[in-house]
Amino acid sequence: MKINLLCTAKPCDGLFYYSYEYTQYLNMSGIKTDMIIVTHPSFDSQDYINSINLKYTSFKNVIFNDFNNTENTLVMGRSMLTLPFISRKLYTEDQLLILHLLFKDKVIAVYSENHKIEYQNALKYFDTKQVIDLCDYDVYPTGKGKHFEKKIFFDIHKPIIEDYKFEYLFNGTNKEYYNAAKSLINKYESHGIIIYNIKNCDSALNNITVPVKNLLGMFNKYIYTKNITDPAPRLIQECKYYNKEIIFEASNRGAEVYKNRLIEKPNVECIINEL
């Protein structure tokens, strides 16, 4: 039994980290799993390698822009289909061929509700024959599929070192998040804002380009600003694990669920059962 765990996310997105962790956990559970990374048009394979090496104790079971078999494809969120469909003109022909081959038969997908119309169009574009849904019903009560909760596999994380550079951390990895951080800076002057690149960022602010070595050791308090659906907010669980205070300047159902959810190891039973 083999699985391709396909990831089309950017190299520091939450779905990228979840994908790597579940790849390792499935392998440790006896299920041969390759993490297939089809690199985002704005990044290359070295960006992904750097991100893994900064966060985890080892780098393994990763294939870039290629695959060994097409038996089963798992994606940790529906957006792994939707985003490459939306940006398909930016991908190479080889990348699109790989995506078509891996998405054409059976796909196990973790349910989400972003890009509802685009997701259905992506399934038609990739001509996907069967989708098996897994769903976190605490976040999506009206979703579908077998119940599944994303968990962080902390066992493979590098230990953090408390080396404070600023008091407060903001997530500014897209325009909406960044503007939310800017609107609150006067309240939290000793701050860092994690970003993907410096373009269109305010140079007067403390912008921190990811990936960052020892990110969880650089701050004391995380300022949560997302008022849109956040299906699996990793930083909330990471802050709980490392005893970092979280200040909620906004909230949503996913944030409330993960704020109250226990820290537990991944459970892959339903994935294995669906195979």
Protein backbone atom coordinates (compact mmCIF):
# COMPACT_ATOMS: atom_id res chain seq x y z
CA MET A 1 0.00 0.00 0.00
CA LYS A 2 1.40 3.39 -1.03
CA ILE A 3 0.23 6.98 -0.80
CA ASN A 4 1.21 10.11 -2.63
CA LEU A 5 0.63 12.99 -0.23
CA LEU A 6 0.44 15.84 -2.71
CA CYS A 7 1.24 19.41 -1.69
CA THR A 8 0.93 22.51 -3.88
CA ALA A 9 1.14 25.03 -1.03
CA LYS A 10 3.80 27.69 -0.50
CA PRO A 11 6.83 26.51 1.52
CA CYS A 12 5.74 28.00 4.85
CA ASP A 13 1.97 27.57 4.64
CA GLY A 14 0.24 25.59 7.34
CA LEU A 15 -0.87 22.98 4.80
CA PHE A 16 2.75 22.49 3.75
CA TYR A 17 3.80 21.72 7.32
CA TYR A 18 0.79 19.46 7.94
CA SER A 19 1.60 17.61 4.71
CA TYR A 20 5.20 16.97 5.76
CA GLU A 21 4.20 15.83 9.25
CA TYR A 22 1.52 13.43 8.02
CA THR A 23 3.95 12.04 5.45
CA GLN A 24 6.37 11.13 8.23
CA TYR A 25 3.65 9.86 10.55
CA LEU A 26 2.13 7.60 7.87
CA ASN A 27 5.57 6.15 7.12
CA MET A 28 6.15 5.51 10.82
CA SER A 29 2.73 3.79 10.88
CA GLY A 30 3.86 1.37 8.18
CA ILE A 31 2.25 3.09 5.16
CA LYS A 32 4.78 3.92 2.43
CA THR A 33 4.15 7.58 1.74
CA ASP A 34 5.90 10.06 -0.54
CA MET A 35 5.31 13.77 -0.13
CA ILE A 36 4.98 15.02 -3.70
CA ILE A 37 5.66 18.74 -3.85
CA VAL A 38 4.61 20.46 -7.05
CA THR A 39 6.44 23.71 -6.45
CA HIS A 40 4.46 26.93 -6.36
CA PRO A 41 5.36 29.22 -9.32
CA SER A 42 6.87 31.80 -6.94
CA PHE A 43 9.24 29.33 -5.25
CA ASP A 44 11.75 26.62 -6.11
CA SER A 45 12.62 23.31 -4.47
CA GLN A 46 15.39 24.85 -2.35
CA ASP A 47 12.85 27.13 -0.66
CA TYR A 48 10.93 24.05 0.46
CA ILE A 49 14.08 22.23 1.55
CA ASN A 50 15.14 25.23 3.63
CA SER A 51 11.73 25.42 5.28
CA ILE A 52 11.80 21.74 6.26
CA ASN A 53 15.37 21.84 7.52
CA LEU A 54 14.68 24.86 9.72
CA LYS A 55 11.65 23.30 11.41
CA TYR A 56 12.26 19.54 11.52
CA THR A 57 14.94 17.17 12.75
CA SER A 58 15.25 15.36 9.39
CA PHE A 59 14.47 15.73 5.69
CA LYS A 60 13.11 12.59 4.01
CA ASN A 61 10.33 11.05 1.90
CA VAL A 62 10.05 14.14 -0.34
CA ILE A 63 9.86 14.22 -4.15
CA PHE A 64 9.79 17.43 -6.17
CA ASN A 65 7.79 17.78 -9.39
CA ASP A 66 7.74 14.02 -9.99
CA PHE A 67 6.24 10.81 -8.58
CA ASN A 68 6.90 7.07 -8.34
CA ASN A 69 3.35 5.74 -8.64
CA THR A 70 -0.25 6.92 -8.98
CA GLU A 71 -1.95 4.45 -6.66
CA ASN A 72 -3.52 6.79 -4.09
CA THR A 73 -3.40 10.57 -3.71
CA LEU A 74 -4.03 12.33 -0.40
CA VAL A 75 -4.31 16.10 0.03
CA MET A 76 -4.55 17.78 3.41
CA GLY A 77 -6.99 20.39 2.10
CA ARG A 78 -9.16 20.89 -0.99
CA SER A 79 -7.15 23.99 -1.86
CA MET A 80 -4.31 21.69 -2.96
CA LEU A 81 -6.48 21.06 -6.04
CA THR A 82 -8.03 24.49 -6.31
CA LEU A 83 -4.94 26.69 -6.15
CA PRO A 84 -2.99 25.06 -9.00
CA PHE A 85 -6.18 25.12 -11.09
CA ILE A 86 -6.65 28.85 -10.50
CA SER A 87 -2.96 29.54 -11.32
CA ARG A 88 -2.57 26.82 -13.97
CA LYS A 89 -1.19 29.23 -16.59
CA LEU A 90 1.82 29.83 -14.33
CA TYR A 91 2.79 26.15 -14.08
CA THR A 92 5.00 24.28 -16.53
CA GLU A 93 3.55 21.64 -18.83
CA ASP A 94 5.40 18.94 -16.90
CA GLN A 95 3.92 20.15 -13.62
CA LEU A 96 0.41 20.19 -15.06
CA LEU A 97 0.89 16.66 -16.41
CA ILE A 98 1.96 15.46 -12.95
CA LEU A 99 -1.09 17.11 -11.37
CA HIS A 100 -3.43 15.55 -13.94
CA LEU A 101 -1.97 12.09 -13.38
CA LEU A 102 -2.11 12.29 -9.59
CA PHE A 103 -5.62 13.76 -9.49
CA LYS A 104 -7.23 11.63 -12.19
CA ASP A 105 -8.33 8.57 -10.18
CA LYS A 106 -9.01 8.36 -6.43
CA VAL A 107 -8.25 11.39 -4.27
CA ILE A 108 -8.63 11.46 -0.49
CA ALA A 109 -9.21 15.11 0.41
CA VAL A 110 -9.60 16.91 3.71
CA TYR A 111 -12.79 18.95 3.45
CA SER A 112 -12.77 22.75 3.37
CA GLU A 113 -15.13 25.42 2.08
CA ASN A 114 -12.82 27.97 0.47
CA HIS A 115 -13.24 28.51 -3.30
CA LYS A 116 -16.42 26.44 -3.56
CA ILE A 117 -17.02 27.14 -7.25
CA GLU A 118 -13.33 26.93 -8.18
CA TYR A 119 -13.01 23.58 -6.39
CA GLN A 120 -15.76 22.02 -8.49
CA ASN A 121 -14.18 23.49 -11.63
CA ALA A 122 -10.81 22.06 -10.56
CA LEU A 123 -12.31 18.56 -10.27
CA LYS A 124 -13.66 18.89 -13.82
CA TYR A 125 -10.36 20.25 -15.11
CA PHE A 126 -8.32 17.41 -13.60
CA ASP A 127 -11.08 14.93 -14.56
CA THR A 128 -11.03 13.41 -11.07
CA LYS A 129 -13.03 10.17 -11.01
CA GLN A 130 -13.51 9.75 -7.23
CA VAL A 131 -13.11 11.97 -4.18
CA ILE A 132 -13.23 10.58 -0.66
CA ASP A 133 -13.76 13.36 1.87
CA LEU A 134 -12.43 13.60 5.40
CA CYS A 135 -13.96 16.36 7.51
CA ASP A 136 -13.37 18.11 10.81
CA TYR A 137 -17.00 18.49 11.90
CA ASP A 138 -16.04 20.69 14.84
CA VAL A 139 -14.93 23.30 12.27
CA TYR A 140 -17.38 22.41 9.48
CA PRO A 141 -20.60 21.07 11.08
CA THR A 142 -22.32 20.76 7.68
CA GLY A 143 -19.34 19.26 5.83
CA LYS A 144 -19.11 15.70 4.57
CA GLY A 145 -16.89 12.66 4.93
CA LYS A 146 -15.45 10.66 7.79
CA HIS A 147 -14.47 12.73 10.84
CA PHE A 148 -10.80 13.76 10.80
CA GLU A 149 -8.82 16.25 12.89
CA LYS A 150 -5.48 17.66 11.78
CA LYS A 151 -2.86 17.29 14.48
CA ILE A 152 0.70 18.60 14.68
CA PHE A 153 3.41 15.93 14.90
CA PHE A 154 5.60 17.69 17.46
CA ASP A 155 7.90 14.68 17.87
CA ILE A 156 9.80 15.58 14.69
CA HIS A 157 10.11 19.32 15.44
CA LYS A 158 13.44 20.83 16.36
CA PRO A 159 13.38 22.15 19.94
CA ILE A 160 12.93 25.90 20.27
CA ILE A 161 15.41 28.15 22.05
CA GLU A 162 13.99 31.08 24.00
CA ASP A 163 15.76 34.00 22.34
CA TYR A 164 13.31 36.91 22.36
CA LYS A 165 13.66 39.45 19.56
CA PHE A 166 10.28 41.14 20.11
CA GLU A 167 7.25 40.76 22.38
CA TYR A 168 4.42 40.18 19.89
CA LEU A 169 4.12 38.12 16.70
CA PHE A 170 1.69 38.81 13.85
CA ASN A 171 0.94 36.65 10.81
CA GLY A 172 1.18 38.87 7.72
CA THR A 173 1.59 36.27 4.97
CA ASN A 174 -1.14 37.73 2.75
CA LYS A 175 -2.47 41.24 2.12
CA GLU A 176 -5.48 40.89 4.41
CA TYR A 177 -3.45 39.53 7.34
CA TYR A 178 -0.75 42.17 6.84
CA ASN A 179 -3.24 45.05 6.82
CA ALA A 180 -4.84 43.68 9.99
CA ALA A 181 -1.42 43.67 11.65
CA LYS A 182 -0.71 47.25 10.51
CA SER A 183 -3.99 48.46 11.99
CA LEU A 184 -2.94 47.17 15.43
CA ILE A 185 0.75 48.07 15.53
CA ASN A 186 0.21 51.08 17.80
CA LYS A 187 -1.07 48.69 20.50
CA TYR A 188 1.84 46.27 20.10
CA GLU A 189 4.99 48.26 19.36
CA SER A 190 7.50 45.50 20.11
CA HIS A 191 6.42 43.30 17.23
CA GLY A 192 7.44 41.04 14.36
CA ILE A 193 5.26 40.37 11.31
CA ILE A 194 5.96 37.17 9.37
CA ILE A 195 5.78 37.74 5.61
CA TYR A 196 6.71 35.91 2.41
CA ASN A 197 8.58 38.77 0.74
CA ILE A 198 9.30 42.41 1.33
CA LYS A 199 7.35 43.63 -1.73
CA ASN A 200 4.55 46.06 -0.81
CA CYS A 201 5.47 45.87 2.88
CA ASP A 202 5.87 48.90 5.17
CA SER A 203 9.61 49.29 5.79
CA ALA A 204 8.90 51.07 9.09
CA LEU A 205 7.57 47.81 10.54
CA ASN A 206 9.53 44.79 11.77
CA ASN A 207 8.91 42.44 8.85
CA ILE A 208 10.25 38.89 9.29
CA THR A 209 10.65 36.94 6.05
CA VAL A 210 9.80 33.23 6.42
CA PRO A 211 11.13 30.63 6.80
CA VAL A 212 12.65 31.74 10.10
CA LYS A 213 15.00 29.73 12.25
CA ASN A 214 13.64 29.27 15.78
CA LEU A 215 10.51 31.34 15.08
CA LEU A 216 8.64 30.03 18.14
CA GLY A 217 11.50 31.14 20.37
CA MET A 218 11.57 34.75 19.13
CA PHE A 219 8.41 36.12 20.76
CA ASN A 220 6.29 35.92 23.90
CA LYS A 221 2.75 36.52 22.63
CA TYR A 222 0.94 35.76 19.38
CA ILE A 223 -1.63 38.28 18.15
CA TYR A 224 -4.38 36.43 16.27
CA THR A 225 -6.15 38.66 13.70
CA LYS A 226 -8.00 36.31 11.30
CA ASN A 227 -11.73 36.98 11.12
CA ILE A 228 -12.29 34.59 8.19
CA THR A 229 -12.57 30.82 8.27
CA ASP A 230 -9.35 29.25 9.55
CA PRO A 231 -9.80 25.47 9.30
CA ALA A 232 -6.62 24.33 11.10
CA PRO A 233 -4.70 27.23 12.72
CA ARG A 234 -1.32 25.68 13.54
CA LEU A 235 0.15 28.65 15.39
CA ILE A 236 -2.60 28.46 18.00
CA GLN A 237 -1.68 24.85 18.79
CA GLU A 238 2.06 25.59 18.60
CA CYS A 239 1.65 28.46 21.06
CA LYS A 240 -0.32 26.18 23.41
CA TYR A 241 2.41 23.54 23.15
CA TYR A 242 5.20 26.01 23.92
CA ASN A 243 3.20 27.97 26.54
CA LYS A 244 3.01 31.17 24.51
CA GLU A 245 0.17 33.57 25.27
CA ILE A 246 -2.37 34.17 22.48
CA ILE A 247 -4.20 37.50 22.23
CA PHE A 248 -7.34 37.23 20.09
CA GLU A 249 -7.99 40.47 18.21
CA ALA A 250 -10.34 38.45 15.97
CA SER A 251 -11.87 35.02 16.04
CA ASN A 252 -13.66 32.42 13.95
CA ARG A 253 -14.96 28.90 14.39
CA GLY A 254 -11.64 27.20 13.55
CA ALA A 255 -9.75 29.43 15.98
CA GLU A 256 -12.19 28.64 18.78
CA VAL A 257 -11.94 24.90 18.08
CA TYR A 258 -8.13 24.84 18.02
CA LYS A 259 -7.89 27.08 21.08
CA ASN A 260 -9.78 24.46 23.09
CA ARG A 261 -8.47 21.30 21.37
CA LEU A 262 -6.04 19.09 23.25
CA ILE A 263 -2.47 18.63 22.03
CA GLU A 264 -2.42 15.07 20.64
CA LYS A 265 -0.45 13.07 18.10
CA PRO A 266 -1.91 12.58 14.61
CA ASN A 267 -4.47 9.83 14.09
CA VAL A 268 -4.34 8.27 10.61
CA GLU A 269 -6.81 5.44 11.15
CA CYS A 270 -9.50 6.91 8.89
CA ILE A 271 -6.95 7.54 6.12
CA ILE A 272 -5.80 3.93 6.26
CA ASN A 273 -9.40 2.69 6.37
CA GLU A 274 -10.28 4.65 3.23
CA LEU A 275 -7.33 3.11 1.40
